[in-house]
C-alpha cells in the first residue's frame, strides 16, 4: 500500500493535460494546476468550490513569481520556508485571509528585513 502523497502525485501527474484539474479522491477533491514544471495540488472537502481553490493556487504562484522572480523548482527546494511563509500570509486554517498580492509581498519583505537585522546582530 503506497502513501497518500505518492497516490495523489501519481494520479495528478498521469492525467492528460486536456482533462480538467479536479479529481475525486477518497472523501475529498483534489484540485491541481501545472505551471511549467511545477504542480500545485490541494486536497479540499467535496463541498468546497473548485474555481475558488484554483484562484487561490494561482494567487500563490503569482506571489511566488514576484518574490523569487520567475519561480522554479530550485527556489522552492532551497527556500521552502519562505514558500510556507508566503502561504501562511495567504491562508489561515485553509481559508483565504489576504487577497492583495502587494500586501503579502510587503509583509514578506518586512519579514526578510527583520531576519537580516537579526543575522547582522548575530555576526557582530
Foldseek 3Di string as FASTA:
>chain_A
DDDPVVVVVCVQVPDDPVDAQWDDDDQWIWGWDDDPPDIDIDTGGPPDDNVVVVVLVVLLVVLCCVVVPHDDPVCCVVPVVLSVLLVVQQDDPRHGDDDDSVVSNVVSVVVVVVVVVVVVVVVD
